[in-house]
């Protein structure tokens, strides 16, 4: 891999250090791809490939500033590849919006089970040409890590269609990247994973060059309550149109859609935008993990179908 091959997002400074940092990320993508190939080969060797639905995706965008833990495209647009030879023709490409909440009803339907209590829609009709009215996708974020004094959340809600992205930040006085001083998780601005790129941009505070993006504020600064981006003309979401009179109708319509979705899904912020629920709720019960019989549970499952096949093939889950 070469530095010259790297595509540097416009919210990062374009220099060799940043390019090398992104190359490390490319390397991890290659490693993931290689190991997925090994797993697929294992399924084929076991005679289970055609009896398996394979879903490849990610839990967040790349672990860089203004990407992971944000609702911009670089934080929310996930890779998604599905293989199910019984239902999906090889090479099929679908450009409709899907969300991770669609996985559960999809897997239930694949097992001939259905539930009326799911927030998402089964994905399988998409492969038969039914677009299912997926004109937009809704997104949200509350807490990524304990990175603010008092373990405070940073709420975001968003709706994206094929033309625009609207983001609502109900508590804009808080810092979306976390406190500027070291708190509990990660370090300074702890909602951003540590990297060379992060440290370089942190060092740019107050040093924005004329005519260039303010990289520091884009990654670590506070934000306005409303953000609106033309995702076609502005794929890196750098130009906030929320206060542009030309886009008042677009912003109003998208906010109305977002608030309706929030209300329909029981979001406390639909009625109380400044809700402190997420600041006060307890996330981790007092589990007695030291008493959990992990090894016995693994051994129990390894002798039952279908996992017993792995034991028969000499594969051990206990080594790791």
C-alpha atoms as a PDB file:
ATOM      1  CA  UNK A   1       0.000   0.000   0.000  1.00  0.00           C
ATOM      2  CA  UNK A   2       1.237   3.477  -0.887  1.00  0.00           C
ATOM      3  CA  UNK A   3       0.696   6.866   0.731  1.00  0.00           C
ATOM      4  CA  UNK A   4      -0.354   8.193  -2.667  1.00  0.00           C
ATOM      5  CA  UNK A   5      -3.276   5.726  -2.770  1.00  0.00           C
ATOM      6  CA  UNK A   6      -4.942   7.112   0.357  1.00  0.00           C
ATOM      7  CA  UNK A   7      -8.193   9.075   0.093  1.00  0.00           C
ATOM      8  CA  UNK A   8      -7.961  11.702   2.838  1.00  0.00           C
ATOM      9  CA  UNK A   9     -11.350  13.043   4.001  1.00  0.00           C
ATOM     10  CA  UNK A  10     -11.519  16.811   3.675  1.00  0.00           C
ATOM     11  CA  UNK A  11     -12.024  17.235   7.423  1.00  0.00           C
ATOM     12  CA  UNK A  12      -8.427  16.000   7.959  1.00  0.00           C
ATOM     13  CA  UNK A  13      -5.186  17.775   7.061  1.00  0.00           C
ATOM     14  CA  UNK A  14      -3.626  16.047   4.071  1.00  0.00           C
ATOM     15  CA  UNK A  15      -0.065  15.134   5.050  1.00  0.00           C
ATOM     16  CA  UNK A  16       2.083  12.014   5.171  1.00  0.00           C
ATOM     17  CA  UNK A  17       1.403  11.358   8.873  1.00  0.00           C
ATOM     18  CA  UNK A  18      -2.360  11.327   8.349  1.00  0.00           C
ATOM     19  CA  UNK A  19      -2.010   9.232   5.193  1.00  0.00           C
ATOM     20  CA  UNK A  20       0.132   6.703   7.046  1.00  0.00           C
ATOM     21  CA  UNK A  21      -2.440   6.579   9.855  1.00  0.00           C
ATOM     22  CA  UNK A  22      -5.190   5.823   7.346  1.00  0.00           C
ATOM     23  CA  UNK A  23      -2.976   3.178   5.712  1.00  0.00           C
ATOM     24  CA  UNK A  24      -2.893   1.372   9.066  1.00  0.00           C
ATOM     25  CA  UNK A  25      -6.695   1.372   8.929  1.00  0.00           C
ATOM     26  CA  UNK A  26      -6.624   0.031   5.357  1.00  0.00           C
ATOM     27  CA  UNK A  27      -4.359  -2.770   6.610  1.00  0.00           C
ATOM     28  CA  UNK A  28      -6.946  -3.721   9.254  1.00  0.00           C
ATOM     29  CA  UNK A  29      -9.635  -3.798   6.556  1.00  0.00           C
ATOM     30  CA  UNK A  30      -7.468  -6.167   4.520  1.00  0.00           C
ATOM     31  CA  UNK A  31      -6.912  -8.362   7.581  1.00  0.00           C
ATOM     32  CA  UNK A  32     -10.656  -8.492   8.229  1.00  0.00           C
ATOM     33  CA  UNK A  33     -11.267  -9.460   4.601  1.00  0.00           C
ATOM     34  CA  UNK A  34      -8.633 -12.203   4.732  1.00  0.00           C
ATOM     35  CA  UNK A  35      -9.934 -13.705   7.980  1.00  0.00           C
ATOM     36  CA  UNK A  36     -13.524 -13.605   6.718  1.00  0.00           C
ATOM     37  CA  UNK A  37     -12.315 -15.644   3.749  1.00  0.00           C
ATOM     38  CA  UNK A  38     -10.829 -18.183   6.152  1.00  0.00           C
ATOM     39  CA  UNK A  39     -14.131 -18.423   8.053  1.00  0.00           C
ATOM     40  CA  UNK A  40     -16.075 -18.914   4.822  1.00  0.00           C
ATOM     41  CA  UNK A  41     -13.649 -21.635   3.811  1.00  0.00           C
ATOM     42  CA  UNK A  42     -14.212 -23.305   7.186  1.00  0.00           C
ATOM     43  CA  UNK A  43     -17.985 -23.247   6.638  1.00  0.00           C
ATOM     44  CA  UNK A  44     -17.505 -24.799   3.222  1.00  0.00           C
ATOM     45  CA  UNK A  45     -15.195 -27.498   4.623  1.00  0.00           C
ATOM     46  CA  UNK A  46     -17.826 -28.332   7.248  1.00  0.00           C
ATOM     47  CA  UNK A  47     -20.556 -28.551   4.599  1.00  0.00           C
ATOM     48  CA  UNK A  48     -22.458 -25.660   6.194  1.00  0.00           C
ATOM     49  CA  UNK A  49     -21.852 -22.806   3.736  1.00  0.00           C
ATOM     50  CA  UNK A  50     -25.180 -23.215   1.938  1.00  0.00           C
ATOM     51  CA  UNK A  51     -26.938 -23.573   5.291  1.00  0.00           C
ATOM     52  CA  UNK A  52     -25.551 -20.278   6.612  1.00  0.00           C
ATOM     53  CA  UNK A  53     -26.570 -16.641   6.241  1.00  0.00           C
ATOM     54  CA  UNK A  54     -23.385 -14.554   6.229  1.00  0.00           C
ATOM     55  CA  UNK A  55     -23.636 -10.887   7.167  1.00  0.00           C
ATOM     56  CA  UNK A  56     -20.539  -8.672   7.030  1.00  0.00           C
ATOM     57  CA  UNK A  57     -20.836  -5.219   8.491  1.00  0.00           C
ATOM     58  CA  UNK A  58     -19.352  -2.929  11.140  1.00  0.00           C
ATOM     59  CA  UNK A  59     -20.485  -1.375  14.389  1.00  0.00           C
ATOM     60  CA  UNK A  60     -19.368   2.187  13.548  1.00  0.00           C
ATOM     61  CA  UNK A  61     -17.433   4.306  11.122  1.00  0.00           C
ATOM     62  CA  UNK A  62     -13.665   4.478  11.074  1.00  0.00           C
ATOM     63  CA  UNK A  63     -12.112   5.238  14.503  1.00  0.00           C
ATOM     64  CA  UNK A  64     -10.956   8.733  13.599  1.00  0.00           C
ATOM     65  CA  UNK A  65     -12.050  12.277  14.528  1.00  0.00           C
ATOM     66  CA  UNK A  66     -15.480  13.347  13.206  1.00  0.00           C
ATOM     67  CA  UNK A  67     -16.193   9.773  12.133  1.00  0.00           C
ATOM     68  CA  UNK A  68     -16.909   7.090  14.753  1.00  0.00           C
ATOM     69  CA  UNK A  69     -19.435   8.207  17.427  1.00  0.00           C
ATOM     70  CA  UNK A  70     -20.877  10.877  15.136  1.00  0.00           C
ATOM     71  CA  UNK A  71     -23.933  11.012  12.880  1.00  0.00           C
ATOM     72  CA  UNK A  72     -22.090  12.276   9.829  1.00  0.00           C
ATOM     73  CA  UNK A  73     -21.749   9.786   6.979  1.00  0.00           C
ATOM     74  CA  UNK A  74     -18.232   8.781   8.054  1.00  0.00           C
ATOM     75  CA  UNK A  75     -19.708   7.697  11.381  1.00  0.00           C
ATOM     76  CA  UNK A  76     -22.922   6.023  10.276  1.00  0.00           C
ATOM     77  CA  UNK A  77     -22.479   4.679   6.752  1.00  0.00           C
ATOM     78  CA  UNK A  78     -21.564   1.041   7.336  1.00  0.00           C
ATOM     79  CA  UNK A  79     -20.326  -1.612   4.954  1.00  0.00           C
ATOM     80  CA  UNK A  80     -22.984  -4.298   4.486  1.00  0.00           C
ATOM     81  CA  UNK A  81     -22.631  -7.505   2.503  1.00  0.00           C
ATOM     82  CA  UNK A  82     -25.051 -10.425   2.869  1.00  0.00           C
ATOM     83  CA  UNK A  83     -24.712 -13.913   1.421  1.00  0.00           C
ATOM     84  CA  UNK A  84     -27.661 -16.286   1.391  1.00  0.00           C
ATOM     85  CA  UNK A  85     -27.556 -18.389  -1.748  1.00  0.00           C
ATOM     86  CA  UNK A  86     -31.170 -19.488  -1.350  1.00  0.00           C
ATOM     87  CA  UNK A  87     -32.495 -15.915  -1.452  1.00  0.00           C
ATOM     88  CA  UNK A  88     -29.840 -13.596  -2.903  1.00  0.00           C
ATOM     89  CA  UNK A  89     -28.434 -13.629  -6.429  1.00  0.00           C
ATOM     90  CA  UNK A  90     -24.664 -13.100  -6.461  1.00  0.00           C
ATOM     91  CA  UNK A  91     -23.643  -9.558  -7.409  1.00  0.00           C
ATOM     92  CA  UNK A  92     -26.927  -7.947  -6.356  1.00  0.00           C
ATOM     93  CA  UNK A  93     -26.514  -4.266  -5.397  1.00  0.00           C
ATOM     94  CA  UNK A  94     -29.205  -2.410  -3.432  1.00  0.00           C
ATOM     95  CA  UNK A  95     -29.099   1.330  -2.811  1.00  0.00           C
ATOM     96  CA  UNK A  96     -32.002   1.658  -0.370  1.00  0.00           C
ATOM     97  CA  UNK A  97     -31.547   2.797   3.231  1.00  0.00           C
ATOM     98  CA  UNK A  98     -31.279   0.027   5.801  1.00  0.00           C
ATOM     99  CA  UNK A  99     -30.529   0.087   9.512  1.00  0.00           C
ATOM    100  CA  UNK A 100     -29.214  -2.415  12.018  1.00  0.00           C
ATOM    101  CA  UNK A 101     -32.704  -2.621  13.547  1.00  0.00           C
ATOM    102  CA  UNK A 102     -33.630  -4.462  10.349  1.00  0.00           C
ATOM    103  CA  UNK A 103     -31.418  -7.434  11.209  1.00  0.00           C
ATOM    104  CA  UNK A 104     -33.599  -8.914  13.963  1.00  0.00           C
ATOM    105  CA  UNK A 105     -36.825  -9.177  11.908  1.00  0.00           C
ATOM    106  CA  UNK A 106     -34.757 -10.463   8.964  1.00  0.00           C
ATOM    107  CA  UNK A 107     -33.270 -13.302  10.986  1.00  0.00           C
ATOM    108  CA  UNK A 108     -36.637 -14.165  12.547  1.00  0.00           C
ATOM    109  CA  UNK A 109     -38.248 -14.366   9.120  1.00  0.00           C
ATOM    110  CA  UNK A 110     -35.395 -16.563   7.884  1.00  0.00           C
ATOM    111  CA  UNK A 111     -36.272 -18.925  10.732  1.00  0.00           C
ATOM    112  CA  UNK A 112     -39.983 -18.840   9.759  1.00  0.00           C
ATOM    113  CA  UNK A 113     -40.776 -16.706  12.794  1.00  0.00           C
ATOM    114  CA  UNK A 114     -42.419 -13.292  12.845  1.00  0.00           C
ATOM    115  CA  UNK A 115     -42.951 -10.590  15.417  1.00  0.00           C
ATOM    116  CA  UNK A 116     -45.067  -7.472  15.320  1.00  0.00           C
ATOM    117  CA  UNK A 117     -42.936  -5.816  17.995  1.00  0.00           C
ATOM    118  CA  UNK A 118     -39.865  -5.052  15.898  1.00  0.00           C
ATOM    119  CA  UNK A 119     -38.784  -1.503  15.050  1.00  0.00           C
ATOM    120  CA  UNK A 120     -37.166  -2.555  11.777  1.00  0.00           C
ATOM    121  CA  UNK A 121     -38.302  -4.269   8.590  1.00  0.00           C
ATOM    122  CA  UNK A 122     -37.128  -7.558   7.165  1.00  0.00           C
ATOM    123  CA  UNK A 123     -34.491  -7.055   4.476  1.00  0.00           C
ATOM    124  CA  UNK A 124     -35.504 -10.013   2.295  1.00  0.00           C
ATOM    125  CA  UNK A 125     -38.246  -8.205   0.315  1.00  0.00           C
ATOM    126  CA  UNK A 126     -35.558  -5.784  -0.915  1.00  0.00           C
ATOM    127  CA  UNK A 127     -33.939  -8.645  -2.806  1.00  0.00           C
ATOM    128  CA  UNK A 128     -37.238  -9.263  -4.584  1.00  0.00           C
ATOM    129  CA  UNK A 129     -37.528  -5.660  -5.768  1.00  0.00           C
ATOM    130  CA  UNK A 130     -39.788  -4.259  -3.021  1.00  0.00           C
ATOM    131  CA  UNK A 131     -38.316  -0.902  -1.916  1.00  0.00           C
ATOM    132  CA  UNK A 132     -40.483  -0.883   1.250  1.00  0.00           C
ATOM    133  CA  UNK A 133     -40.765   2.897   1.360  1.00  0.00           C
ATOM    134  CA  UNK A 134     -37.179   3.383   2.512  1.00  0.00           C
ATOM    135  CA  UNK A 135     -36.824   7.042   1.491  1.00  0.00           C
ATOM    136  CA  UNK A 136     -34.812   7.975   4.584  1.00  0.00           C
ATOM    137  CA  UNK A 137     -33.040   6.525   7.591  1.00  0.00           C
ATOM    138  CA  UNK A 138     -33.187   7.749  11.202  1.00  0.00           C
ATOM    139  CA  UNK A 139     -30.191   7.743  13.519  1.00  0.00           C
ATOM    140  CA  UNK A 140     -29.402   8.607  17.104  1.00  0.00           C
ATOM    141  CA  UNK A 141     -26.625   8.717  19.651  1.00  0.00           C
ATOM    142  CA  UNK A 142     -26.562   9.339  23.381  1.00  0.00           C
ATOM    143  CA  UNK A 143     -23.472   7.939  25.029  1.00  0.00           C
ATOM    144  CA  UNK A 144     -20.354   6.479  23.482  1.00  0.00           C
ATOM    145  CA  UNK A 145     -18.101   6.353  26.551  1.00  0.00           C
ATOM    146  CA  UNK A 146     -17.653   7.920  29.987  1.00  0.00           C
ATOM    147  CA  UNK A 147     -15.752  10.978  28.765  1.00  0.00           C
ATOM    148  CA  UNK A 148     -17.517  13.890  30.497  1.00  0.00           C
ATOM    149  CA  UNK A 149     -17.492  14.882  34.132  1.00  0.00           C
ATOM    150  CA  UNK A 150     -20.548  13.297  35.721  1.00  0.00           C
ATOM    151  CA  UNK A 151     -20.690  10.639  32.979  1.00  0.00           C
ATOM    152  CA  UNK A 152     -22.862  13.008  30.934  1.00  0.00           C
ATOM    153  CA  UNK A 153     -24.312  11.988  27.604  1.00  0.00           C
ATOM    154  CA  UNK A 154     -24.123  13.897  24.330  1.00  0.00           C
ATOM    155  CA  UNK A 155     -27.449  13.501  22.509  1.00  0.00           C
ATOM    156  CA  UNK A 156     -27.788  13.602  18.744  1.00  0.00           C
ATOM    157  CA  UNK A 157     -30.754  12.736  16.546  1.00  0.00           C
ATOM    158  CA  UNK A 158     -30.684  12.702  12.767  1.00  0.00           C
ATOM    159  CA  UNK A 159     -32.540  11.860   9.582  1.00  0.00           C
ATOM    160  CA  UNK A 160     -30.833  11.338   6.220  1.00  0.00           C
ATOM    161  CA  UNK A 161     -32.321  10.961   2.772  1.00  0.00           C
ATOM    162  CA  UNK A 162     -30.594  10.788  -0.614  1.00  0.00           C
ATOM    163  CA  UNK A 163     -30.130  14.580  -0.750  1.00  0.00           C
ATOM    164  CA  UNK A 164     -29.781  15.937   2.774  1.00  0.00           C
ATOM    165  CA  UNK A 165     -28.677  15.109   6.304  1.00  0.00           C
ATOM    166  CA  UNK A 166     -30.366  16.876   9.217  1.00  0.00           C
ATOM    167  CA  UNK A 167     -28.832  16.572  12.706  1.00  0.00           C
ATOM    168  CA  UNK A 168     -30.389  17.868  15.914  1.00  0.00           C
ATOM    169  CA  UNK A 169     -28.105  18.395  18.932  1.00  0.00           C
ATOM    170  CA  UNK A 170     -30.484  19.062  21.862  1.00  0.00           C
ATOM    171  CA  UNK A 171     -27.658  19.939  24.301  1.00  0.00           C
ATOM    172  CA  UNK A 172     -25.212  21.967  22.182  1.00  0.00           C
ATOM    173  CA  UNK A 173     -23.432  23.401  25.221  1.00  0.00           C
ATOM    174  CA  UNK A 174     -21.781  20.009  25.783  1.00  0.00           C
ATOM    175  CA  UNK A 175     -18.772  18.895  23.783  1.00  0.00           C
ATOM    176  CA  UNK A 176     -19.562  16.076  21.335  1.00  0.00           C
ATOM    177  CA  UNK A 177     -15.987  14.748  21.529  1.00  0.00           C
ATOM    178  CA  UNK A 178     -15.854  14.706  25.342  1.00  0.00           C
ATOM    179  CA  UNK A 179     -14.074  16.879  27.901  1.00  0.00           C
ATOM    180  CA  UNK A 180     -10.852  18.570  26.819  1.00  0.00           C
ATOM    181  CA  UNK A 181      -9.170  17.211  29.934  1.00  0.00           C
ATOM    182  CA  UNK A 182      -8.606  13.536  30.651  1.00  0.00           C
ATOM    183  CA  UNK A 183     -11.679  11.977  32.240  1.00  0.00           C
ATOM    184  CA  UNK A 184     -12.298   8.237  32.636  1.00  0.00           C
ATOM    185  CA  UNK A 185     -12.189   6.747  29.127  1.00  0.00           C
ATOM    186  CA  UNK A 186      -9.534   7.002  26.401  1.00  0.00           C
ATOM    187  CA  UNK A 187      -8.068  10.423  27.313  1.00  0.00           C
ATOM    188  CA  UNK A 188      -8.623  14.001  26.203  1.00  0.00           C
ATOM    189  CA  UNK A 189     -11.692  14.264  23.962  1.00  0.00           C
ATOM    190  CA  UNK A 190     -12.300  10.631  24.826  1.00  0.00           C
ATOM    191  CA  UNK A 191     -15.152  10.034  22.385  1.00  0.00           C
ATOM    192  CA  UNK A 192     -12.441  10.023  19.721  1.00  0.00           C
ATOM    193  CA  UNK A 193     -10.135   7.012  19.653  1.00  0.00           C
ATOM    194  CA  UNK A 194      -6.458   7.813  20.093  1.00  0.00           C
ATOM    195  CA  UNK A 195      -4.491   8.037  16.858  1.00  0.00           C
ATOM    196  CA  UNK A 196      -1.778  10.068  15.180  1.00  0.00           C
ATOM    197  CA  UNK A 197      -4.476  11.976  13.306  1.00  0.00           C
ATOM    198  CA  UNK A 198      -6.250  12.861  16.562  1.00  0.00           C
ATOM    199  CA  UNK A 199      -3.070  14.192  18.172  1.00  0.00           C
ATOM    200  CA  UNK A 200      -2.091  16.205  15.098  1.00  0.00           C
ATOM    201  CA  UNK A 201      -5.507  17.869  14.947  1.00  0.00           C
ATOM    202  CA  UNK A 202      -5.526  18.523  18.705  1.00  0.00           C
ATOM    203  CA  UNK A 203      -2.250  20.402  18.186  1.00  0.00           C
ATOM    204  CA  UNK A 204      -3.969  22.642  15.636  1.00  0.00           C
ATOM    205  CA  UNK A 205      -6.180  24.389  18.202  1.00  0.00           C
ATOM    206  CA  UNK A 206      -6.272  28.083  17.346  1.00  0.00           C
ATOM    207  CA  UNK A 207      -3.998  27.571  14.326  1.00  0.00           C
ATOM    208  CA  UNK A 208      -6.475  27.437  11.448  1.00  0.00           C
ATOM    209  CA  UNK A 209      -4.922  28.644   8.185  1.00  0.00           C
ATOM    210  CA  UNK A 210      -6.867  31.150   6.063  1.00  0.00           C
ATOM    211  CA  UNK A 211      -8.776  29.432   3.303  1.00  0.00           C
ATOM    212  CA  UNK A 212      -8.471  26.010   4.941  1.00  0.00           C
ATOM    213  CA  UNK A 213     -10.986  24.116   7.116  1.00  0.00           C
ATOM    214  CA  UNK A 214     -10.711  24.643  10.864  1.00  0.00           C
ATOM    215  CA  UNK A 215      -9.724  21.039  11.501  1.00  0.00           C
ATOM    216  CA  UNK A 216      -9.679  21.421  15.267  1.00  0.00           C
ATOM    217  CA  UNK A 217     -13.197  22.788  15.590  1.00  0.00           C
ATOM    218  CA  UNK A 218     -14.579  20.315  13.076  1.00  0.00           C
ATOM    219  CA  UNK A 219     -13.325  17.455  15.250  1.00  0.00           C
ATOM    220  CA  UNK A 220     -13.366  18.790  18.809  1.00  0.00           C
ATOM    221  CA  UNK A 221     -15.380  22.001  18.924  1.00  0.00           C
ATOM    222  CA  UNK A 222     -18.938  22.511  20.163  1.00  0.00           C
ATOM    223  CA  UNK A 223     -21.678  22.457  17.555  1.00  0.00           C
ATOM    224  CA  UNK A 224     -24.821  24.388  16.786  1.00  0.00           C
ATOM    225  CA  UNK A 225     -28.148  22.899  17.821  1.00  0.00           C
ATOM    226  CA  UNK A 226     -29.141  22.224  14.218  1.00  0.00           C
ATOM    227  CA  UNK A 227     -27.051  21.013  11.305  1.00  0.00           C
ATOM    228  CA  UNK A 228     -28.139  20.545   7.700  1.00  0.00           C
ATOM    229  CA  UNK A 229     -25.930  19.267   4.890  1.00  0.00           C
ATOM    230  CA  UNK A 230     -26.345  18.727   1.167  1.00  0.00           C
ATOM    231  CA  UNK A 231     -24.841  15.220   1.018  1.00  0.00           C
ATOM    232  CA  UNK A 232     -24.573  15.296  -2.773  1.00  0.00           C
ATOM    233  CA  UNK A 233     -22.608  18.541  -3.106  1.00  0.00           C
ATOM    234  CA  UNK A 234     -20.980  18.261   0.329  1.00  0.00           C
ATOM    235  CA  UNK A 235     -20.138  14.565   0.920  1.00  0.00           C
ATOM    236  CA  UNK A 236     -17.838  15.375   3.866  1.00  0.00           C
ATOM    237  CA  UNK A 237     -20.510  17.491   5.602  1.00  0.00           C
ATOM    238  CA  UNK A 238     -18.431  20.636   6.035  1.00  0.00           C
ATOM    239  CA  UNK A 239     -20.941  23.344   5.069  1.00  0.00           C
ATOM    240  CA  UNK A 240     -23.777  23.661   7.590  1.00  0.00           C
ATOM    241  CA  UNK A 241     -26.874  25.018   5.808  1.00  0.00           C
ATOM    242  CA  UNK A 242     -29.125  25.132   8.883  1.00  0.00           C
ATOM    243  CA  UNK A 243     -29.177  28.953   8.992  1.00  0.00           C
ATOM    244  CA  UNK A 244     -29.380  29.418   5.240  1.00  0.00           C
ATOM    245  CA  UNK A 245     -32.784  30.916   4.369  1.00  0.00           C
ATOM    246  CA  UNK A 246     -32.782  28.983   1.084  1.00  0.00           C
ATOM    247  CA  UNK A 247     -33.139  25.711   2.979  1.00  0.00           C
ATOM    248  CA  UNK A 248     -35.752  26.671   5.585  1.00  0.00           C
ATOM    249  CA  UNK A 249     -38.410  24.415   4.050  1.00  0.00           C
ATOM    250  CA  UNK A 250     -36.036  21.450   3.751  1.00  0.00           C
ATOM    251  CA  UNK A 251     -34.908  21.822   7.359  1.00  0.00           C
ATOM    252  CA  UNK A 252     -38.461  22.214   8.649  1.00  0.00           C
ATOM    253  CA  UNK A 253     -39.715  19.137   6.812  1.00  0.00           C
ATOM    254  CA  UNK A 254     -36.828  16.960   7.951  1.00  0.00           C
ATOM    255  CA  UNK A 255     -37.113  18.089  11.559  1.00  0.00           C
ATOM    256  CA  UNK A 256     -40.838  17.319  11.485  1.00  0.00           C
ATOM    257  CA  UNK A 257     -40.084  13.798  10.198  1.00  0.00           C
ATOM    258  CA  UNK A 258     -37.434  13.334  12.875  1.00  0.00           C
ATOM    259  CA  UNK A 259     -39.670  14.467  15.740  1.00  0.00           C
ATOM    260  CA  UNK A 260     -42.477  12.196  14.556  1.00  0.00           C
ATOM    261  CA  UNK A 261     -40.091   9.237  14.481  1.00  0.00           C
ATOM    262  CA  UNK A 262     -38.862  10.109  17.961  1.00  0.00           C
ATOM    263  CA  UNK A 263     -42.417  10.299  19.238  1.00  0.00           C
ATOM    264  CA  UNK A 264     -43.434   7.058  17.520  1.00  0.00           C
ATOM    265  CA  UNK A 265     -40.473   5.203  19.064  1.00  0.00           C
ATOM    266  CA  UNK A 266     -41.012   6.549  22.581  1.00  0.00           C
ATOM    267  CA  UNK A 267     -37.908   8.736  22.696  1.00  0.00           C
ATOM    268  CA  UNK A 268     -38.031  10.820  25.926  1.00  0.00           C
ATOM    269  CA  UNK A 269     -36.425  13.727  24.078  1.00  0.00           C
ATOM    270  CA  UNK A 270     -39.471  14.066  21.826  1.00  0.00           C
ATOM    271  CA  UNK A 271     -41.311  15.735  24.703  1.00  0.00           C
ATOM    272  CA  UNK A 272     -38.364  16.872  26.815  1.00  0.00           C
ATOM    273  CA  UNK A 273     -35.320  17.730  24.689  1.00  0.00           C
ATOM    274  CA  UNK A 274     -33.255  18.466  27.815  1.00  0.00           C
ATOM    275  CA  UNK A 275     -34.111  15.153  29.483  1.00  0.00           C
ATOM    276  CA  UNK A 276     -31.474  13.971  31.982  1.00  0.00           C
ATOM    277  CA  UNK A 277     -32.594  10.342  31.720  1.00  0.00           C
ATOM    278  CA  UNK A 278     -29.391   9.176  30.034  1.00  0.00           C
ATOM    279  CA  UNK A 279     -27.247  11.104  32.515  1.00  0.00           C
ATOM    280  CA  UNK A 280     -28.826   9.348  35.481  1.00  0.00           C
ATOM    281  CA  UNK A 281     -29.718   5.840  34.313  1.00  0.00           C
ATOM    282  CA  UNK A 282     -27.522   3.047  35.625  1.00  0.00           C
ATOM    283  CA  UNK A 283     -25.979   1.044  32.800  1.00  0.00           C
ATOM    284  CA  UNK A 284     -24.091  -1.784  34.519  1.00  0.00           C
ATOM    285  CA  UNK A 285     -25.815  -3.903  37.173  1.00  0.00           C
ATOM    286  CA  UNK A 286     -23.761  -5.598  39.867  1.00  0.00           C
ATOM    287  CA  UNK A 287     -23.032  -8.787  37.963  1.00  0.00           C
ATOM    288  CA  UNK A 288     -20.987 -11.347  39.867  1.00  0.00           C
ATOM    289  CA  UNK A 289     -18.833 -12.203  36.877  1.00  0.00           C
ATOM    290  CA  UNK A 290     -16.173 -13.921  38.990  1.00  0.00           C
ATOM    291  CA  UNK A 291     -18.701 -16.669  39.785  1.00  0.00           C
ATOM    292  CA  UNK A 292     -19.840 -17.216  36.200  1.00  0.00           C
ATOM    293  CA  UNK A 293     -18.935 -20.779  35.060  1.00  0.00           C
ATOM    294  CA  UNK A 294     -17.631 -19.684  31.661  1.00  0.00           C
ATOM    295  CA  UNK A 295     -15.537 -22.753  30.835  1.00  0.00           C
ATOM    296  CA  UNK A 296     -18.338 -25.135  31.819  1.00  0.00           C
ATOM    297  CA  UNK A 297     -20.827 -23.215  29.665  1.00  0.00           C
ATOM    298  CA  UNK A 298     -18.539 -23.324  26.637  1.00  0.00           C
ATOM    299  CA  UNK A 299     -17.933 -27.051  27.053  1.00  0.00           C
ATOM    300  CA  UNK A 300     -21.681 -27.620  27.407  1.00  0.00           C
ATOM    301  CA  UNK A 301     -22.429 -25.844  24.125  1.00  0.00           C
ATOM    302  CA  UNK A 302     -19.514 -27.408  22.264  1.00  0.00           C
ATOM    303  CA  UNK A 303     -21.004 -30.891  22.560  1.00  0.00           C
ATOM    304  CA  UNK A 304     -24.409 -29.843  21.226  1.00  0.00           C
ATOM    305  CA  UNK A 305     -25.305 -29.416  17.536  1.00  0.00           C
ATOM    306  CA  UNK A 306     -24.313 -27.467  15.566  1.00  0.00           C
ATOM    307  CA  UNK A 307     -21.268 -26.509  17.642  1.00  0.00           C
ATOM    308  CA  UNK A 308     -20.362 -30.134  18.269  1.00  0.00           C
ATOM    309  CA  UNK A 309     -19.081 -30.217  14.676  1.00  0.00           C
ATOM    310  CA  UNK A 310     -16.356 -27.783  15.649  1.00  0.00           C
ATOM    311  CA  UNK A 311     -15.251 -29.999  18.508  1.00  0.00           C
ATOM    312  CA  UNK A 312     -15.192 -32.964  16.125  1.00  0.00           C
ATOM    313  CA  UNK A 313     -12.985 -30.996  13.713  1.00  0.00           C
ATOM    314  CA  UNK A 314     -10.430 -30.244  16.416  1.00  0.00           C
ATOM    315  CA  UNK A 315     -11.302 -26.548  16.754  1.00  0.00           C
ATOM    316  CA  UNK A 316     -11.137 -25.319  20.355  1.00  0.00           C
ATOM    317  CA  UNK A 317     -12.844 -22.205  21.658  1.00  0.00           C
ATOM    318  CA  UNK A 318     -11.166 -22.598  25.026  1.00  0.00           C
ATOM    319  CA  UNK A 319      -7.652 -21.684  23.954  1.00  0.00           C
ATOM    320  CA  UNK A 320      -8.559 -18.014  23.675  1.00  0.00           C
END
